[in-house]
C-alpha atoms as a PDB file:
ATOM      1  CA  MET A   1     -14.899   4.142   9.436  1.00  0.00           C
ATOM      2  CA  SER A   2     -11.520   2.427   9.626  1.00  0.00           C
ATOM      3  CA  GLN A   3      -8.716   3.254   7.272  1.00  0.00           C
ATOM      4  CA  ILE A   4      -6.397   0.598   5.838  1.00  0.00           C
ATOM      5  CA  LEU A   5      -3.238   1.151   3.794  1.00  0.00           C
ATOM      6  CA  VAL A   6      -2.989  -1.121   0.756  1.00  0.00           C
ATOM      7  CA  ASP A   7       0.481  -2.287  -0.338  1.00  0.00           C
ATOM      8  CA  THR A   8       1.460  -2.212  -4.012  1.00  0.00           C
ATOM      9  CA  HIS A   9       1.071  -5.915  -4.774  1.00  0.00           C
ATOM     10  CA  ALA A  10      -2.269  -6.082  -2.947  1.00  0.00           C
ATOM     11  CA  LEU A  11      -3.534  -3.151  -5.011  1.00  0.00           C
ATOM     12  CA  LEU A  12      -2.454  -4.787  -8.269  1.00  0.00           C
ATOM     13  CA  TRP A  13      -4.031  -8.104  -7.286  1.00  0.00           C
ATOM     14  CA  TRP A  14      -7.264  -6.312  -6.339  1.00  0.00           C
ATOM     15  CA  LEU A  15      -7.363  -4.450  -9.656  1.00  0.00           C
ATOM     16  CA  ALA A  16      -6.682  -7.671 -11.596  1.00  0.00           C
ATOM     17  CA  ASP A  17      -9.140  -9.706  -9.497  1.00  0.00           C
ATOM     18  CA  ASP A  18      -6.223 -12.065  -8.867  1.00  0.00           C
ATOM     19  CA  ASP A  19      -6.633 -15.048  -6.542  1.00  0.00           C
ATOM     20  CA  ALA A  20      -3.215 -14.225  -5.076  1.00  0.00           C
ATOM     21  CA  LEU A  21      -5.028 -11.665  -2.915  1.00  0.00           C
ATOM     22  CA  SER A  22      -5.937 -13.469   0.300  1.00  0.00           C
ATOM     23  CA  ALA A  23      -9.553 -13.743   1.384  1.00  0.00           C
ATOM     24  CA  ASP A  24      -8.876 -11.618   4.482  1.00  0.00           C
ATOM     25  CA  ALA A  25      -7.194  -8.922   2.384  1.00  0.00           C
ATOM     26  CA  HIS A  26     -10.013  -8.968  -0.153  1.00  0.00           C
ATOM     27  CA  ASP A  27     -12.647  -8.738   2.560  1.00  0.00           C
ATOM     28  CA  ALA A  28     -10.859  -5.842   4.277  1.00  0.00           C
ATOM     29  CA  ILE A  29     -10.654  -3.852   1.043  1.00  0.00           C
ATOM     30  CA  ALA A  30     -14.238  -4.669   0.066  1.00  0.00           C
ATOM     31  CA  ASP A  31     -15.714  -3.937   3.499  1.00  0.00           C
ATOM     32  CA  PRO A  32     -17.757  -0.718   3.246  1.00  0.00           C
ATOM     33  CA  ALA A  33     -16.808   0.023   6.869  1.00  0.00           C
ATOM     34  CA  ASN A  34     -13.193   0.407   5.725  1.00  0.00           C
ATOM     35  CA  GLU A  35     -11.601   3.251   3.828  1.00  0.00           C
ATOM     36  CA  PRO A  36      -8.800   1.761   1.690  1.00  0.00           C
ATOM     37  CA  LEU A  37      -5.858   4.095   1.168  1.00  0.00           C
ATOM     38  CA  VAL A  38      -3.160   3.914  -1.490  1.00  0.00           C
ATOM     39  CA  SER A  39       0.025   5.812  -0.846  1.00  0.00           C
ATOM     40  CA  VAL A  40       1.301   8.213  -3.466  1.00  0.00           C
ATOM     41  CA  ALA A  41       4.571   6.318  -2.916  1.00  0.00           C
ATOM     42  CA  THR A  42       2.844   3.248  -4.376  1.00  0.00           C
ATOM     43  CA  LEU A  43       1.879   5.217  -7.462  1.00  0.00           C
ATOM     44  CA  TRP A  44       5.463   6.444  -7.748  1.00  0.00           C
ATOM     45  CA  GLU A  45       6.766   2.857  -7.441  1.00  0.00           C
ATOM     46  CA  LEU A  46       4.349   1.669 -10.136  1.00  0.00           C
ATOM     47  CA  ALA A  47       5.317   4.553 -12.418  1.00  0.00           C
ATOM     48  CA  ILE A  48       9.004   3.677 -12.091  1.00  0.00           C
ATOM     49  CA  LYS A  49       8.374  -0.018 -12.764  1.00  0.00           C
ATOM     50  CA  ARG A  50       6.189   0.847 -15.745  1.00  0.00           C
ATOM     51  CA  ARG A  51       8.858   3.160 -17.167  1.00  0.00           C
ATOM     52  CA  LEU A  52      11.513   0.443 -16.756  1.00  0.00           C
ATOM     53  CA  GLY A  53       9.304  -2.099 -18.524  1.00  0.00           C
ATOM     54  CA  LYS A  54       8.875  -4.240 -15.395  1.00  0.00           C
ATOM     55  CA  LEU A  55       5.125  -3.638 -15.273  1.00  0.00           C
ATOM     56  CA  GLU A  56       2.329  -3.016 -17.718  1.00  0.00           C
ATOM     57  CA  ALA A  57      -0.139  -0.421 -16.526  1.00  0.00           C
ATOM     58  CA  PRO A  58      -2.575   1.793 -18.399  1.00  0.00           C
ATOM     59  CA  ASP A  59      -2.186   5.562 -18.557  1.00  0.00           C
ATOM     60  CA  SER A  60      -5.453   5.735 -16.614  1.00  0.00           C
ATOM     61  CA  LEU A  61      -4.116   3.839 -13.577  1.00  0.00           C
ATOM     62  CA  PRO A  62      -4.429   6.808 -11.170  1.00  0.00           C
ATOM     63  CA  GLU A  63      -8.055   7.318 -12.181  1.00  0.00           C
ATOM     64  CA  THR A  64      -8.772   3.585 -12.038  1.00  0.00           C
ATOM     65  CA  VAL A  65      -7.511   3.444  -8.457  1.00  0.00           C
ATOM     66  CA  VAL A  66      -9.966   6.171  -7.459  1.00  0.00           C
ATOM     67  CA  GLU A  67     -12.800   4.602  -9.471  1.00  0.00           C
ATOM     68  CA  GLN A  68     -12.215   1.368  -7.536  1.00  0.00           C
ATOM     69  CA  GLY A  69     -12.936   3.204  -4.280  1.00  0.00           C
ATOM     70  CA  PHE A  70      -9.420   3.885  -3.003  1.00  0.00           C
ATOM     71  CA  LEU A  71      -8.308   7.210  -1.564  1.00  0.00           C
ATOM     72  CA  TRP A  72      -4.840   8.658  -2.065  1.00  0.00           C
ATOM     73  CA  LEU A  73      -2.600   9.059   0.971  1.00  0.00           C
ATOM     74  CA  GLY A  74      -0.101  11.821   0.369  1.00  0.00           C
ATOM     75  CA  ILE A  75       3.428  11.795   1.683  1.00  0.00           C
ATOM     76  CA  ALA A  76       3.711  14.150   4.648  1.00  0.00           C
ATOM     77  CA  PRO A  77       7.015  15.310   6.143  1.00  0.00           C
ATOM     78  CA  ASP A  78       6.523  13.090   9.216  1.00  0.00           C
ATOM     79  CA  HIS A  79       5.989  10.078   6.918  1.00  0.00           C
ATOM     80  CA  ALA A  80       9.237  10.749   5.063  1.00  0.00           C
ATOM     81  CA  TRP A  81      11.253  11.571   8.169  1.00  0.00           C
ATOM     82  CA  GLY A  82       9.776   8.634  10.071  1.00  0.00           C
ATOM     83  CA  VAL A  83      11.895   6.191   8.084  1.00  0.00           C
ATOM     84  CA  THR A  84      14.939   7.466  10.000  1.00  0.00           C
ATOM     85  CA  THR A  85      13.712   5.713  13.148  1.00  0.00           C
ATOM     86  CA  LEU A  86      12.792   2.381  11.553  1.00  0.00           C
ATOM     87  CA  PRO A  87      14.968  -0.675  12.116  1.00  0.00           C
ATOM     88  CA  ASP A  88      16.425  -2.181   8.933  1.00  0.00           C
ATOM     89  CA  HIS A  89      14.026  -5.134   8.717  1.00  0.00           C
ATOM     90  CA  HIS A  90      13.208  -4.182   5.142  1.00  0.00           C
ATOM     91  CA  ARG A  91      15.558  -2.590   2.622  1.00  0.00           C
ATOM     92  CA  ASP A  92      12.953  -1.498   0.041  1.00  0.00           C
ATOM     93  CA  PRO A  93      12.525   2.289   0.349  1.00  0.00           C
ATOM     94  CA  PHE A  94       8.900   2.215  -0.816  1.00  0.00           C
ATOM     95  CA  ASP A  95       7.938  -0.397   1.768  1.00  0.00           C
ATOM     96  CA  ARG A  96       9.801   1.475   4.485  1.00  0.00           C
ATOM     97  CA  LEU A  97       7.806   4.597   3.620  1.00  0.00           C
ATOM     98  CA  LEU A  98       4.550   2.601   3.767  1.00  0.00           C
ATOM     99  CA  VAL A  99       5.507   1.351   7.227  1.00  0.00           C
ATOM    100  CA  SER A 100       6.269   4.894   8.341  1.00  0.00           C
ATOM    101  CA  GLN A 101       2.912   6.064   6.971  1.00  0.00           C
ATOM    102  CA  ALA A 102       1.065   3.226   8.717  1.00  0.00           C
ATOM    103  CA  ILE A 103       2.747   4.049  12.024  1.00  0.00           C
ATOM    104  CA  SER A 104       2.117   7.782  11.677  1.00  0.00           C
ATOM    105  CA  GLU A 105      -1.498   7.373  10.576  1.00  0.00           C
ATOM    106  CA  ARG A 106      -2.136   4.468  12.978  1.00  0.00           C
ATOM    107  CA  VAL A 107      -3.541   2.234  10.238  1.00  0.00           C
ATOM    108  CA  PRO A 108      -2.957  -1.423   9.337  1.00  0.00           C
ATOM    109  CA  ILE A 109      -1.245  -2.418   6.094  1.00  0.00           C
ATOM    110  CA  VAL A 110      -2.831  -4.879   3.678  1.00  0.00           C
ATOM    111  CA  SER A 111       0.220  -6.867   2.562  1.00  0.00           C
ATOM    112  CA  ALA A 112       1.599 -10.341   1.986  1.00  0.00           C
ATOM    113  CA  ASP A 113       5.136  -9.065   2.572  1.00  0.00           C
ATOM    114  CA  GLU A 114       6.491 -11.067   5.514  1.00  0.00           C
ATOM    115  CA  GLN A 115       9.359  -8.594   5.956  1.00  0.00           C
ATOM    116  CA  LEU A 116       6.860  -6.081   7.338  1.00  0.00           C
ATOM    117  CA  ALA A 117       5.922  -8.336  10.277  1.00  0.00           C
ATOM    118  CA  PRO A 118       8.806  -7.257  12.577  1.00  0.00           C
ATOM    119  CA  TYR A 119       7.625  -3.648  12.447  1.00  0.00           C
ATOM    120  CA  GLU A 120       5.115  -2.349  14.945  1.00  0.00           C
ATOM    121  CA  VAL A 121       2.234  -2.252  12.476  1.00  0.00           C
ATOM    122  CA  GLU A 122      -0.836  -4.401  12.089  1.00  0.00           C
ATOM    123  CA  ILE A 123      -0.757  -6.525   8.948  1.00  0.00           C
ATOM    124  CA  ILE A 124      -3.919  -7.691   7.241  1.00  0.00           C
ATOM    125  CA  TRP A 125      -3.408 -10.730   5.100  1.00  0.00           C
END
């Protein structure tokens, strides 16, 4: 079983069955040989955007994520501290944490974000 870390936009596009999700990303998430992970940082980001009115999301979003077959990836101290060693290719703190998690957990990230490419992580898109 291979784990993959799903970025925020990829998660939303999966949940909405949006064609913006690339075929490779869709196949990776749907592949039963993969274990798709969603960072708690992603949930935090979505909660903030929902609270600010930048995103509509149901109260049941955390449960929906699990019902869709995703597992939660908690934020460990090495994930949080790992951002101190990352080059400044990306300024978004949530994305920087995802990169740190992917490096620490040795998993690829499912993301269309081109600013992640300079980091030493595998990108699935």
